[in-house]
């Protein structure tokens, strides 16, 4: 089964509705990890949010959502590419534990220095072009509230989010108020009609509970919430987990350490083991593998552009 993000417009074309429920993608994200419940919730919500937001960006690149924390969790990062392929990572401070009932604020903003960052990173930059980066204080009690604060601070479209995640799925609903004015393919509506449509959408979205968001398939959820509305549906977009790590890429990284350092690790541990920060997949290199790393005939693999985090 493929995870799908589904998009709709109210008949007035002044309200955008998007919903996603990730099961396969979220399962793959956790395949080599054993996240505490609090991290499952926060990271899963950020993964769902990234797909909802990236689906509206018209460029070839990556949307990166990053929370820098000053508590037990030092970093949460999710990258969603324009094809809605996703990868994610989390960094816990050494010596800290993550309580099961931890909240976003006490895990990431314990001393008030947490920051929420949104990066738009084009895959093919023209000379001198830099990734766009917006940073705001980490406000709110949830990932949804933090994102809404960012959207408001950056003067983007008025947006409301409902997000939820557990060990089995990560899900989200997004509502956005679009400009009231019409266009070639949009009907003219009055400000009053547009405001009423937005108010109605918020009221309907406000009835959604986290457990309902997690347990209900998208089609049923949209029908349950908006059955009295005339919705214009768009082609669903597939969402998937993707991590570009390979044994060849890890080997290239080990070469950059140098032969002396690799041999020191071998002498201490008997093998070199590297774990991907994103997918958590382990790669082990025994003495024979390590000797082959520095053979002149060993090719260097092509590298992906670096990710900002």
Foldseek 3Di string as FASTA:
>chain_A
DFWWKWWKAFQQNFKIKIKTKDFQFLCLQCVQHDDAFQCQWALLQVLQVLLVVLQPDPAFFWKKKKKAFDAQWGIKIKIAGNLQAIWIFTHGDPPDDDDNPDWCCRHGPVPQQMKIKIWTGHQDDDPPDDIDMDIDGQDDGGPQVSVQVSCVVVVHFNKGKDWGGGSRMTMMMMMTGHDQAADPPGDHDDPVVSVVVVVLLVVLVVVDDRVCRNPDDPVVSCCVRAVVTDMGIDDIRTHHYDDPDDLLQVLLVVVVVPLVVLVVCCVVPQWDWDADRISRDIDIGGPVNSVVSPDPVRDRDDDRDDDDD
